[in-house]
PDB file of N, CA and C in Angstrom:
ATOM      1  N   MET A   1       0.952  -1.016   0.068  1.00  0.00           N
ATOM      2  CA  MET A   1      -0.151   0.065  -0.526  1.00  0.00           C
ATOM      3  C   MET A   1       1.347   1.319  -0.011  1.00  0.00           C
ATOM      4  N   PRO A   2       0.801   2.251  -0.656  1.00  0.00           N
ATOM      5  CA  PRO A   2       1.681   3.637  -0.623  1.00  0.00           C
ATOM      6  C   PRO A   2       1.002   4.040   0.558  1.00  0.00           C
ATOM      7  N   ASP A   3       2.133   5.042   0.766  1.00  0.00           N
ATOM      8  CA  ASP A   3       1.779   5.319   2.454  1.00  0.00           C
ATOM      9  C   ASP A   3       1.544   7.299   1.981  1.00  0.00           C
ATOM     10  N   GLN A   4       1.763   7.428   0.816  1.00  0.00           N
ATOM     11  CA  GLN A   4       1.309   9.098   0.624  1.00  0.00           C
ATOM     12  C   GLN A   4      -0.328   9.006   0.503  1.00  0.00           C
ATOM     13  N   GLY A   5      -0.648   9.608   1.322  1.00  0.00           N
ATOM     14  CA  GLY A   5      -2.442   9.900   1.568  1.00  0.00           C
ATOM     15  C   GLY A   5      -2.815   9.050   1.890  1.00  0.00           C
ATOM     16  N   ARG A   6      -4.459   9.527   2.531  1.00  0.00           N
ATOM     17  CA  ARG A   6      -5.046   8.459   2.987  1.00  0.00           C
ATOM     18  C   ARG A   6      -6.064   8.134   1.420  1.00  0.00           C
ATOM     19  N   ILE A   7      -6.938   6.953   1.724  1.00  0.00           N
ATOM     20  CA  ILE A   7      -7.813   6.177   0.995  1.00  0.00           C
ATOM     21  C   ILE A   7      -8.979   7.078   0.852  1.00  0.00           C
ATOM     22  N   LEU A   8      -9.533   7.304  -0.373  1.00  0.00           N
ATOM     23  CA  LEU A   8     -10.560   8.098   0.024  1.00  0.00           C
ATOM     24  C   LEU A   8     -12.384   7.075  -0.137  1.00  0.00           C
ATOM     25  N   LEU A   9     -12.746   6.943   0.567  1.00  0.00           N
ATOM     26  CA  LEU A   9     -14.208   6.288   0.395  1.00  0.00           C
ATOM     27  C   LEU A   9     -15.135   6.661   0.323  1.00  0.00           C
ATOM     28  N   VAL A  10     -15.891   6.667  -1.196  1.00  0.00           N
ATOM     29  CA  VAL A  10     -17.039   7.143  -1.293  1.00  0.00           C
ATOM     30  C   VAL A  10     -17.795   6.259  -1.218  1.00  0.00           C
ATOM     31  N   GLU A  11     -19.208   6.184  -0.353  1.00  0.00           N
ATOM     32  CA  GLU A  11     -20.093   5.185   0.039  1.00  0.00           C
ATOM     33  C   GLU A  11     -21.212   6.411   0.811  1.00  0.00           C
ATOM     34  N   ASP A  12     -22.689   6.002  -0.403  1.00  0.00           N
ATOM     35  CA  ASP A  12     -23.860   6.550   0.606  1.00  0.00           C
ATOM     36  C   ASP A  12     -24.309   6.334   1.788  1.00  0.00           C
ATOM     37  N   ASP A  13     -24.051   4.687   1.422  1.00  0.00           N
ATOM     38  CA  ASP A  13     -24.576   4.131   2.680  1.00  0.00           C
ATOM     39  C   ASP A  13     -24.317   4.080   4.332  1.00  0.00           C
ATOM     40  N   VAL A  14     -24.641   4.957   4.920  1.00  0.00           N
ATOM     41  CA  VAL A  14     -23.851   5.024   6.291  1.00  0.00           C
ATOM     42  C   VAL A  14     -23.305   3.839   6.850  1.00  0.00           C
ATOM     43  N   LEU A  15     -24.228   2.655   6.762  1.00  0.00           N
ATOM     44  CA  LEU A  15     -24.069   1.219   7.396  1.00  0.00           C
ATOM     45  C   LEU A  15     -22.651   0.541   6.433  1.00  0.00           C
ATOM     46  N   ILE A  16     -23.193   0.776   5.209  1.00  0.00           N
ATOM     47  CA  ILE A  16     -21.965   0.025   4.549  1.00  0.00           C
ATOM     48  C   ILE A  16     -20.246   0.685   4.594  1.00  0.00           C
ATOM     49  N   GLY A  17     -20.356   2.172   4.884  1.00  0.00           N
ATOM     50  CA  GLY A  17     -19.513   2.563   4.857  1.00  0.00           C
ATOM     51  C   GLY A  17     -18.321   2.372   6.032  1.00  0.00           C
ATOM     52  N   MET A  18     -19.280   2.564   7.447  1.00  0.00           N
ATOM     53  CA  MET A  18     -19.139   1.988   8.578  1.00  0.00           C
ATOM     54  C   MET A  18     -18.435   0.375   9.127  1.00  0.00           C
ATOM     55  N   MET A  19     -19.006  -0.499   7.402  1.00  0.00           N
ATOM     56  CA  MET A  19     -18.198  -1.464   7.891  1.00  0.00           C
ATOM     57  C   MET A  19     -17.508  -1.381   7.014  1.00  0.00           C
ATOM     58  N   LEU A  20     -16.926  -0.555   6.182  1.00  0.00           N
ATOM     59  CA  LEU A  20     -15.944  -0.369   5.133  1.00  0.00           C
ATOM     60  C   LEU A  20     -14.436  -0.121   5.650  1.00  0.00           C
ATOM     61  N   VAL A  21     -14.957   0.928   6.882  1.00  0.00           N
ATOM     62  CA  VAL A  21     -14.148   1.254   7.576  1.00  0.00           C
ATOM     63  C   VAL A  21     -13.392   0.452   8.703  1.00  0.00           C
ATOM     64  N   ASP A  22     -14.738  -0.464   9.458  1.00  0.00           N
ATOM     65  CA  ASP A  22     -14.055  -1.675  10.273  1.00  0.00           C
ATOM     66  C   ASP A  22     -13.057  -2.418   9.092  1.00  0.00           C
ATOM     67  N   MET A  23     -13.477  -2.775   8.532  1.00  0.00           N
ATOM     68  CA  MET A  23     -12.700  -3.417   7.111  1.00  0.00           C
ATOM     69  C   MET A  23     -11.133  -3.278   7.261  1.00  0.00           C
ATOM     70  N   PHE A  24     -10.916  -1.774   6.714  1.00  0.00           N
ATOM     71  CA  PHE A  24      -9.789  -0.996   7.072  1.00  0.00           C
ATOM     72  C   PHE A  24      -8.624  -1.160   8.332  1.00  0.00           C
ATOM     73  N   GLU A  25      -9.683  -0.906   9.482  1.00  0.00           N
ATOM     74  CA  GLU A  25      -9.201  -1.088  10.725  1.00  0.00           C
ATOM     75  C   GLU A  25      -8.525  -2.966  10.552  1.00  0.00           C
ATOM     76  N   ALA A  26      -9.343  -3.624  10.360  1.00  0.00           N
ATOM     77  CA  ALA A  26      -8.935  -5.044  10.324  1.00  0.00           C
ATOM     78  C   ALA A  26      -7.250  -5.478   9.674  1.00  0.00           C
ATOM     79  N   LEU A  27      -7.520  -4.527   8.502  1.00  0.00           N
ATOM     80  CA  LEU A  27      -6.515  -4.875   7.846  1.00  0.00           C
ATOM     81  C   LEU A  27      -5.140  -4.121   7.817  1.00  0.00           C
ATOM     82  N   GLY A  28      -5.310  -3.231   9.386  1.00  0.00           N
ATOM     83  CA  GLY A  28      -4.324  -2.157   9.861  1.00  0.00           C
ATOM     84  C   GLY A  28      -4.058  -1.382   9.242  1.00  0.00           C
ATOM     85  N   LEU A  29      -4.926  -0.577   8.460  1.00  0.00           N
ATOM     86  CA  LEU A  29      -4.840   0.450   7.792  1.00  0.00           C
ATOM     87  C   LEU A  29      -5.629   2.019   8.355  1.00  0.00           C
ATOM     88  N   SER A  30      -4.593   2.721   8.173  1.00  0.00           N
ATOM     89  CA  SER A  30      -5.349   4.270   8.698  1.00  0.00           C
ATOM     90  C   SER A  30      -6.794   4.414   8.050  1.00  0.00           C
ATOM     91  N   GLU A  31      -7.742   5.056   8.837  1.00  0.00           N
ATOM     92  CA  GLU A  31      -9.004   5.392   8.678  1.00  0.00           C
ATOM     93  C   GLU A  31      -9.117   6.192   6.982  1.00  0.00           C
ATOM     94  N   PRO A  32      -9.905   5.390   6.531  1.00  0.00           N
ATOM     95  CA  PRO A  32      -9.892   6.506   5.281  1.00  0.00           C
ATOM     96  C   PRO A  32     -10.633   7.798   5.430  1.00  0.00           C
ATOM     97  N   ALA A  33     -10.369   8.647   4.557  1.00  0.00           N
ATOM     98  CA  ALA A  33     -11.607  10.289   4.081  1.00  0.00           C
ATOM     99  C   ALA A  33     -12.806   9.223   3.182  1.00  0.00           C
ATOM    100  N   GLN A  34     -13.554   9.640   4.133  1.00  0.00           N
ATOM    101  CA  GLN A  34     -14.879   9.478   3.504  1.00  0.00           C
ATOM    102  C   GLN A  34     -15.527  10.837   2.961  1.00  0.00           C
ATOM    103  N   ALA A  35     -16.565  10.362   1.812  1.00  0.00           N
ATOM    104  CA  ALA A  35     -17.506  11.264   1.581  1.00  0.00           C
ATOM    105  C   ALA A  35     -18.891  10.237   1.091  1.00  0.00           C
ATOM    106  N   THR A  36     -19.901  10.850   0.818  1.00  0.00           N
ATOM    107  CA  THR A  36     -21.222  10.567   0.642  1.00  0.00           C
ATOM    108  C   THR A  36     -22.040  10.928  -0.564  1.00  0.00           C
ATOM    109  N   THR A  37     -21.296  11.640  -1.321  1.00  0.00           N
ATOM    110  CA  THR A  37     -21.468  12.621  -2.706  1.00  0.00           C
ATOM    111  C   THR A  37     -20.551  13.069  -3.340  1.00  0.00           C
ATOM    112  N   ASN A  38     -20.553  13.297  -4.944  1.00  0.00           N
ATOM    113  CA  ASN A  38     -20.114  13.623  -5.661  1.00  0.00           C
ATOM    114  C   ASN A  38     -19.074  15.222  -5.124  1.00  0.00           C
ATOM    115  N   GLU A  39     -20.399  15.823  -4.594  1.00  0.00           N
ATOM    116  CA  GLU A  39     -19.285  17.191  -3.778  1.00  0.00           C
ATOM    117  C   GLU A  39     -18.644  17.131  -3.080  1.00  0.00           C
ATOM    118  N   GLU A  40     -18.232  16.509  -2.543  1.00  0.00           N
ATOM    119  CA  GLU A  40     -17.524  16.059  -0.648  1.00  0.00           C
ATOM    120  C   GLU A  40     -16.484  15.382  -1.065  1.00  0.00           C
ATOM    121  N   ALA A  41     -16.992  14.699  -2.115  1.00  0.00           N
ATOM    122  CA  ALA A  41     -15.883  13.862  -2.951  1.00  0.00           C
ATOM    123  C   ALA A  41     -14.638  14.661  -3.458  1.00  0.00           C
ATOM    124  N   LEU A  42     -15.177  15.414  -4.329  1.00  0.00           N
ATOM    125  CA  LEU A  42     -14.809  16.182  -5.412  1.00  0.00           C
ATOM    126  C   LEU A  42     -13.309  17.174  -4.272  1.00  0.00           C
ATOM    127  N   ALA A  43     -14.176  17.730  -3.475  1.00  0.00           N
ATOM    128  CA  ALA A  43     -13.856  18.834  -2.711  1.00  0.00           C
ATOM    129  C   ALA A  43     -12.334  18.055  -1.466  1.00  0.00           C
ATOM    130  N   LEU A  44     -12.232  17.295  -1.549  1.00  0.00           N
ATOM    131  CA  LEU A  44     -11.487  16.232  -0.456  1.00  0.00           C
ATOM    132  C   LEU A  44     -10.341  15.399  -2.042  1.00  0.00           C
ATOM    133  N   ILE A  45     -10.926  15.609  -3.485  1.00  0.00           N
ATOM    134  CA  ILE A  45      -9.976  15.232  -3.855  1.00  0.00           C
ATOM    135  C   ILE A  45      -9.195  16.662  -4.742  1.00  0.00           C
ATOM    136  N   ALA A  46      -9.631  17.329  -4.274  1.00  0.00           N
ATOM    137  CA  ALA A  46      -8.934  18.958  -4.420  1.00  0.00           C
ATOM    138  C   ALA A  46      -8.050  19.220  -3.232  1.00  0.00           C
ATOM    139  N   SER A  47      -8.495  18.961  -2.249  1.00  0.00           N
ATOM    140  CA  SER A  47      -7.686  19.514  -0.553  1.00  0.00           C
ATOM    141  C   SER A  47      -6.908  18.614  -0.489  1.00  0.00           C
ATOM    142  N   GLU A  48      -6.639  17.207  -0.627  1.00  0.00           N
ATOM    143  CA  GLU A  48      -5.897  16.432   0.560  1.00  0.00           C
ATOM    144  C   GLU A  48      -5.453  15.599  -0.463  1.00  0.00           C
ATOM    145  N   PRO A  49      -3.838  15.487  -0.156  1.00  0.00           N
ATOM    146  CA  PRO A  49      -3.002  13.620  -0.577  1.00  0.00           C
ATOM    147  C   PRO A  49      -3.949  12.748  -0.146  1.00  0.00           C
ATOM    148  N   LEU A  50      -4.018  12.039  -1.655  1.00  0.00           N
ATOM    149  CA  LEU A  50      -4.876  10.568  -1.898  1.00  0.00           C
ATOM    150  C   LEU A  50      -4.031   9.542  -2.294  1.00  0.00           C
ATOM    151  N   ALA A  51      -3.809   8.574  -1.619  1.00  0.00           N
ATOM    152  CA  ALA A  51      -3.146   7.054  -2.038  1.00  0.00           C
ATOM    153  C   ALA A  51      -3.948   6.181  -3.610  1.00  0.00           C
ATOM    154  N   GLY A  52      -5.933   6.852  -3.104  1.00  0.00           N
ATOM    155  CA  GLY A  52      -6.138   5.618  -3.552  1.00  0.00           C
ATOM    156  C   GLY A  52      -8.031   6.300  -3.338  1.00  0.00           C
ATOM    157  N   ALA A  53      -8.599   5.551  -4.098  1.00  0.00           N
ATOM    158  CA  ALA A  53     -10.002   5.355  -3.740  1.00  0.00           C
ATOM    159  C   ALA A  53     -10.852   4.668  -4.132  1.00  0.00           C
ATOM    160  N   LEU A  54     -12.002   4.338  -3.297  1.00  0.00           N
ATOM    161  CA  LEU A  54     -12.978   3.486  -3.735  1.00  0.00           C
ATOM    162  C   LEU A  54     -14.130   4.241  -4.326  1.00  0.00           C
ATOM    163  N   VAL A  55     -14.815   4.021  -5.029  1.00  0.00           N
ATOM    164  CA  VAL A  55     -15.990   5.157  -5.644  1.00  0.00           C
ATOM    165  C   VAL A  55     -17.242   4.032  -5.760  1.00  0.00           C
ATOM    166  N   ASP A  56     -18.104   4.419  -4.915  1.00  0.00           N
ATOM    167  CA  ASP A  56     -19.388   3.623  -5.405  1.00  0.00           C
ATOM    168  C   ASP A  56     -19.700   3.910  -6.285  1.00  0.00           C
ATOM    169  N   ILE A  57     -20.284   3.578  -7.486  1.00  0.00           N
ATOM    170  CA  ILE A  57     -21.064   4.094  -8.435  1.00  0.00           C
ATOM    171  C   ILE A  57     -22.241   4.876  -8.970  1.00  0.00           C
ATOM    172  N   ASN A  58     -23.426   4.346  -7.392  1.00  0.00           N
ATOM    173  CA  ASN A  58     -24.528   4.919  -7.351  1.00  0.00           C
ATOM    174  C   ASN A  58     -24.595   5.472  -6.060  1.00  0.00           C
ATOM    175  N   LEU A  59     -24.414   6.940  -5.777  1.00  0.00           N
ATOM    176  CA  LEU A  59     -24.680   7.612  -4.921  1.00  0.00           C
ATOM    177  C   LEU A  59     -25.817   8.296  -4.544  1.00  0.00           C
ATOM    178  N   GLY A  60     -27.173   7.623  -4.342  1.00  0.00           N
ATOM    179  CA  GLY A  60     -28.609   8.482  -4.404  1.00  0.00           C
ATOM    180  C   GLY A  60     -28.635   8.612  -5.327  1.00  0.00           C
ATOM    181  N   ASP A  61     -29.084  10.009  -6.268  1.00  0.00           N
ATOM    182  CA  ASP A  61     -29.458   9.660  -7.552  1.00  0.00           C
ATOM    183  C   ASP A  61     -28.384  10.483  -8.172  1.00  0.00           C
ATOM    184  N   GLU A  62     -27.309  10.169  -7.834  1.00  0.00           N
ATOM    185  CA  GLU A  62     -26.108  10.718  -8.928  1.00  0.00           C
ATOM    186  C   GLU A  62     -25.030   9.420  -9.001  1.00  0.00           C
ATOM    187  N   LYS A  63     -24.192   9.657 -10.049  1.00  0.00           N
ATOM    188  CA  LYS A  63     -23.176   8.322 -10.583  1.00  0.00           C
ATOM    189  C   LYS A  63     -21.957   9.234 -10.097  1.00  0.00           C
ATOM    190  N   GLY A  64     -21.202   8.509  -9.828  1.00  0.00           N
ATOM    191  CA  GLY A  64     -19.639   8.733  -9.008  1.00  0.00           C
ATOM    192  C   GLY A  64     -18.613   9.251 -10.201  1.00  0.00           C
ATOM    193  N   TRP A  65     -19.214   9.220 -11.686  1.00  0.00           N
ATOM    194  CA  TRP A  65     -18.333   9.534 -12.881  1.00  0.00           C
ATOM    195  C   TRP A  65     -17.514  10.465 -12.853  1.00  0.00           C
ATOM    196  N   PRO A  66     -18.368  11.925 -12.135  1.00  0.00           N
ATOM    197  CA  PRO A  66     -17.568  13.093 -11.839  1.00  0.00           C
ATOM    198  C   PRO A  66     -16.107  12.909 -10.888  1.00  0.00           C
ATOM    199  N   ILE A  67     -16.861  12.083  -9.913  1.00  0.00           N
ATOM    200  CA  ILE A  67     -15.666  11.337  -9.091  1.00  0.00           C
ATOM    201  C   ILE A  67     -14.237  10.935  -9.676  1.00  0.00           C
ATOM    202  N   ALA A  68     -14.527   9.825 -10.758  1.00  0.00           N
ATOM    203  CA  ALA A  68     -13.874   9.305 -10.979  1.00  0.00           C
ATOM    204  C   ALA A  68     -13.489   9.349 -12.344  1.00  0.00           C
ATOM    205  N   ASP A  69     -13.217  10.752 -13.097  1.00  0.00           N
ATOM    206  CA  ASP A  69     -13.187  11.377 -13.614  1.00  0.00           C
ATOM    207  C   ASP A  69     -11.545  12.787 -12.957  1.00  0.00           C
ATOM    208  N   ALA A  70     -12.027  13.163 -11.545  1.00  0.00           N
ATOM    209  CA  ALA A  70     -11.237  13.967 -10.986  1.00  0.00           C
ATOM    210  C   ALA A  70     -10.246  13.074 -11.054  1.00  0.00           C
ATOM    211  N   LEU A  71     -10.149  11.712 -10.119  1.00  0.00           N
ATOM    212  CA  LEU A  71      -8.953  10.940  -9.930  1.00  0.00           C
ATOM    213  C   LEU A  71      -7.992  10.450 -10.902  1.00  0.00           C
ATOM    214  N   ALA A  72      -8.924  10.223 -12.150  1.00  0.00           N
ATOM    215  CA  ALA A  72      -8.245   9.879 -13.508  1.00  0.00           C
ATOM    216  C   ALA A  72      -7.055  11.031 -13.261  1.00  0.00           C
ATOM    217  N   ALA A  73      -7.787  12.700 -14.043  1.00  0.00           N
ATOM    218  CA  ALA A  73      -7.244  13.724 -13.847  1.00  0.00           C
ATOM    219  C   ALA A  73      -6.251  13.742 -12.924  1.00  0.00           C
ATOM    220  N   HIS A  74      -6.214  13.172 -12.040  1.00  0.00           N
ATOM    221  CA  HIS A  74      -4.870  13.365 -10.631  1.00  0.00           C
ATOM    222  C   HIS A  74      -3.979  12.260 -10.425  1.00  0.00           C
ATOM    223  N   ASN A  75      -4.570  11.383 -11.672  1.00  0.00           N
ATOM    224  CA  ASN A  75      -3.690  10.158 -11.367  1.00  0.00           C
ATOM    225  C   ASN A  75      -3.730   9.372  -9.927  1.00  0.00           C
ATOM    226  N   ILE A  76      -4.360   9.577  -9.458  1.00  0.00           N
ATOM    227  CA  ILE A  76      -5.020   9.091  -8.344  1.00  0.00           C
ATOM    228  C   ILE A  76      -5.593   7.528  -8.363  1.00  0.00           C
ATOM    229  N   PRO A  77      -4.974   6.786  -8.378  1.00  0.00           N
ATOM    230  CA  PRO A  77      -5.355   4.834  -8.506  1.00  0.00           C
ATOM    231  C   PRO A  77      -6.522   4.615  -7.766  1.00  0.00           C
ATOM    232  N   PHE A  78      -7.522   3.922  -8.531  1.00  0.00           N
ATOM    233  CA  PHE A  78      -8.855   3.604  -7.969  1.00  0.00           C
ATOM    234  C   PHE A  78      -9.955   2.464  -8.732  1.00  0.00           C
ATOM    235  N   ALA A  79     -10.690   2.418  -7.727  1.00  0.00           N
ATOM    236  CA  ALA A  79     -11.358   1.048  -7.612  1.00  0.00           C
ATOM    237  C   ALA A  79     -13.674   1.693  -7.833  1.00  0.00           C
ATOM    238  N   PHE A  80     -14.027   0.880  -8.606  1.00  0.00           N
ATOM    239  CA  PHE A  80     -15.547   1.285  -8.675  1.00  0.00           C
ATOM    240  C   PHE A  80     -15.714   0.200  -7.156  1.00  0.00           C
ATOM    241  N   THR A  81     -17.021   0.614  -6.559  1.00  0.00           N
ATOM    242  CA  THR A  81     -17.960  -0.708  -5.971  1.00  0.00           C
ATOM    243  C   THR A  81     -19.302  -0.602  -6.599  1.00  0.00           C
ATOM    244  N   THR A  82     -20.038  -1.475  -6.467  1.00  0.00           N
ATOM    245  CA  THR A  82     -21.489  -0.972  -6.639  1.00  0.00           C
ATOM    246  C   THR A  82     -22.159  -2.339  -6.664  1.00  0.00           C
ATOM    247  N   GLY A  83     -23.500  -2.559  -6.271  1.00  0.00           N
ATOM    248  CA  GLY A  83     -24.354  -3.446  -6.061  1.00  0.00           C
ATOM    249  C   GLY A  83     -24.918  -4.273  -6.904  1.00  0.00           C
ATOM    250  N   GLY A  84     -24.290  -3.936  -8.316  1.00  0.00           N
ATOM    251  CA  GLY A  84     -24.142  -4.660  -9.525  1.00  0.00           C
ATOM    252  C   GLY A  84     -25.189  -3.813 -10.949  1.00  0.00           C
ATOM    253  N   GLY A  85     -24.994  -3.939 -12.208  1.00  0.00           N
ATOM    254  CA  GLY A  85     -25.983  -3.507 -12.835  1.00  0.00           C
ATOM    255  C   GLY A  85     -25.793  -2.167 -13.524  1.00  0.00           C
ATOM    256  N   ASP A  86     -24.499  -2.052 -13.231  1.00  0.00           N
ATOM    257  CA  ASP A  86     -23.734  -1.228 -13.777  1.00  0.00           C
ATOM    258  C   ASP A  86     -22.755  -0.974 -15.279  1.00  0.00           C
ATOM    259  N   VAL A  87     -22.879  -0.081 -15.970  1.00  0.00           N
ATOM    260  CA  VAL A  87     -21.975  -0.006 -17.207  1.00  0.00           C
ATOM    261  C   VAL A  87     -21.218   0.832 -16.828  1.00  0.00           C
ATOM    262  N   ILE A  88     -20.084   0.785 -16.999  1.00  0.00           N
ATOM    263  CA  ILE A  88     -18.832   1.616 -16.703  1.00  0.00           C
ATOM    264  C   ILE A  88     -18.931   2.546 -18.153  1.00  0.00           C
ATOM    265  N   PRO A  89     -18.472   3.969 -17.790  1.00  0.00           N
ATOM    266  CA  PRO A  89     -18.064   4.460 -19.293  1.00  0.00           C
ATOM    267  C   PRO A  89     -16.432   4.002 -19.863  1.00  0.00           C
ATOM    268  N   PRO A  90     -16.677   4.013 -21.274  1.00  0.00           N
ATOM    269  CA  PRO A  90     -15.763   3.454 -21.936  1.00  0.00           C
ATOM    270  C   PRO A  90     -14.041   4.287 -21.609  1.00  0.00           C
ATOM    271  N   ALA A  91     -14.558   5.346 -20.841  1.00  0.00           N
ATOM    272  CA  ALA A  91     -13.045   6.183 -20.522  1.00  0.00           C
ATOM    273  C   ALA A  91     -12.188   5.408 -18.786  1.00  0.00           C
ATOM    274  N   HIS A  92     -13.229   4.392 -18.348  1.00  0.00           N
ATOM    275  CA  HIS A  92     -13.108   3.473 -17.119  1.00  0.00           C
ATOM    276  C   HIS A  92     -13.388   2.529 -17.378  1.00  0.00           C
ATOM    277  N   ALA A  93     -13.362   1.880 -18.439  1.00  0.00           N
ATOM    278  CA  ALA A  93     -13.720   0.332 -18.252  1.00  0.00           C
ATOM    279  C   ALA A  93     -12.821  -0.394 -17.978  1.00  0.00           C
ATOM    280  N   ASP A  94     -10.933   0.210 -17.743  1.00  0.00           N
ATOM    281  CA  ASP A  94     -10.371  -0.959 -17.337  1.00  0.00           C
ATOM    282  C   ASP A  94     -10.138  -0.815 -15.909  1.00  0.00           C
ATOM    283  N   ARG A  95     -11.065  -0.080 -15.176  1.00  0.00           N
ATOM    284  CA  ARG A  95     -10.818   0.014 -13.581  1.00  0.00           C
ATOM    285  C   ARG A  95     -11.127  -1.131 -13.095  1.00  0.00           C
ATOM    286  N   LEU A  96     -10.596  -1.419 -11.885  1.00  0.00           N
ATOM    287  CA  LEU A  96     -11.415  -2.585 -11.005  1.00  0.00           C
ATOM    288  C   LEU A  96     -12.801  -2.158 -10.686  1.00  0.00           C
ATOM    289  N   LEU A  97     -14.059  -3.634 -10.639  1.00  0.00           N
ATOM    290  CA  LEU A  97     -15.166  -3.382 -10.175  1.00  0.00           C
ATOM    291  C   LEU A  97     -15.326  -4.228  -8.611  1.00  0.00           C
ATOM    292  N   VAL A  98     -15.097  -3.797  -7.844  1.00  0.00           N
ATOM    293  CA  VAL A  98     -15.514  -4.627  -6.614  1.00  0.00           C
ATOM    294  C   VAL A  98     -16.967  -4.365  -6.360  1.00  0.00           C
ATOM    295  N   THR A  99     -17.808  -5.791  -6.125  1.00  0.00           N
ATOM    296  CA  THR A  99     -19.410  -5.948  -6.000  1.00  0.00           C
ATOM    297  C   THR A  99     -19.591  -6.201  -4.462  1.00  0.00           C
ATOM    298  N   LYS A 100     -20.588  -5.963  -4.031  1.00  0.00           N
ATOM    299  CA  LYS A 100     -21.457  -6.057  -2.879  1.00  0.00           C
ATOM    300  C   LYS A 100     -22.007  -7.387  -2.905  1.00  0.00           C
ATOM    301  N   PRO A 101     -22.339  -8.003  -1.878  1.00  0.00           N
ATOM    302  CA  PRO A 101     -21.456  -7.804  -0.423  1.00  0.00           C
ATOM    303  C   PRO A 101     -20.159  -8.144  -0.618  1.00  0.00           C
ATOM    304  N   PHE A 102     -19.390  -6.789   0.062  1.00  0.00           N
ATOM    305  CA  PHE A 102     -17.713  -6.997   0.500  1.00  0.00           C
ATOM    306  C   PHE A 102     -17.272  -7.692   0.979  1.00  0.00           C
ATOM    307  N   ARG A 103     -16.614  -8.808   0.407  1.00  0.00           N
ATOM    308  CA  ARG A 103     -15.517  -9.701   1.325  1.00  0.00           C
ATOM    309  C   ARG A 103     -13.804  -8.967   1.479  1.00  0.00           C
ATOM    310  N   ILE A 104     -13.960  -9.084   3.091  1.00  0.00           N
ATOM    311  CA  ILE A 104     -12.623  -8.127   3.065  1.00  0.00           C
ATOM    312  C   ILE A 104     -11.393  -8.665   2.485  1.00  0.00           C
ATOM    313  N   ALA A 105     -11.534  -9.935   1.952  1.00  0.00           N
ATOM    314  CA  ALA A 105     -10.128 -10.122   0.960  1.00  0.00           C
ATOM    315  C   ALA A 105     -10.240  -9.379  -0.763  1.00  0.00           C
ATOM    316  N   ASP A 106     -11.050  -9.337  -1.348  1.00  0.00           N
ATOM    317  CA  ASP A 106     -11.652  -8.299  -2.406  1.00  0.00           C
ATOM    318  C   ASP A 106     -11.112  -7.243  -1.966  1.00  0.00           C
ATOM    319  N   ILE A 107     -11.337  -5.960  -0.300  1.00  0.00           N
ATOM    320  CA  ILE A 107     -11.359  -4.917  -0.993  1.00  0.00           C
ATOM    321  C   ILE A 107      -9.694  -4.501  -0.542  1.00  0.00           C
ATOM    322  N   GLU A 108      -9.039  -5.918   0.355  1.00  0.00           N
ATOM    323  CA  GLU A 108      -7.741  -5.749   0.313  1.00  0.00           C
ATOM    324  C   GLU A 108      -6.810  -5.869  -0.947  1.00  0.00           C
ATOM    325  N   ALA A 109      -7.402  -7.008  -2.138  1.00  0.00           N
ATOM    326  CA  ALA A 109      -6.573  -6.659  -3.229  1.00  0.00           C
ATOM    327  C   ALA A 109      -6.987  -5.621  -3.858  1.00  0.00           C
ATOM    328  N   ALA A 110      -7.750  -5.105  -3.544  1.00  0.00           N
ATOM    329  CA  ALA A 110      -8.150  -3.544  -4.630  1.00  0.00           C
ATOM    330  C   ALA A 110      -6.974  -2.933  -4.460  1.00  0.00           C
ATOM    331  N   LEU A 111      -7.305  -2.520  -3.027  1.00  0.00           N
ATOM    332  CA  LEU A 111      -6.278  -1.727  -2.021  1.00  0.00           C
ATOM    333  C   LEU A 111      -4.876  -1.809  -2.639  1.00  0.00           C
ATOM    334  N   GLU A 112      -4.342  -2.983  -2.463  1.00  0.00           N
ATOM    335  CA  GLU A 112      -2.870  -3.521  -2.995  1.00  0.00           C
ATOM    336  C   GLU A 112      -2.510  -3.030  -4.654  1.00  0.00           C
ATOM    337  N   THR A 113      -4.051  -3.193  -5.468  1.00  0.00           N
ATOM    338  CA  THR A 113      -3.638  -2.481  -7.082  1.00  0.00           C
ATOM    339  C   THR A 113      -2.779  -1.315  -6.888  1.00  0.00           C
ATOM    340  N   PHE A 114      -3.046  -0.350  -5.673  1.00  0.00           N
ATOM    341  CA  PHE A 114      -3.438   1.216  -5.941  1.00  0.00           C
ATOM    342  C   PHE A 114      -1.688   1.241  -5.571  1.00  0.00           C
ATOM    343  N   SER A 115      -0.851   0.631  -5.417  1.00  0.00           N
ATOM    344  CA  SER A 115       0.641   0.716  -5.086  1.00  0.00           C
ATOM    345  C   SER A 115       1.224   0.092  -6.306  1.00  0.00           C
ATOM    346  N   GLY A 116       0.591  -0.487  -7.602  1.00  0.00           N
ATOM    347  CA  GLY A 116       1.035  -1.001  -8.500  1.00  0.00           C
ATOM    348  C   GLY A 116       1.032   0.167  -9.735  1.00  0.00           C
ATOM    349  N   ASN A 117       0.250   1.017  -9.225  1.00  0.00           N
ATOM    350  CA  ASN A 117       0.175   2.339 -10.325  1.00  0.00           C
ATOM    351  C   ASN A 117       0.926   3.448 -10.447  1.00  0.00           C
TER     352      ASN A 117
END
């Protein structure tokens, strides 16, 4: 895992977000930066050094595509998370997709890919 900056966790479901934070703790990682909307995530991307991000595709009534675009523009590695059924835009079709329900091994594997980018 890269140690420059925190991981950004973008998840609009409070319980799933709490579960993911618990997974980070179980993996011995620092607490992630957290956002529940595009606006919050974009503000964090602009203001905080980030080592990577997990971006939920469906954020209430919005999609996480603006977050993906901003992360890519800043060369910050990221993976999408989803409950399924989403079509990834061609610009991000090569990104890792982690599906819900999450398993800690899947989250750990996704985070490990960030250090290879």
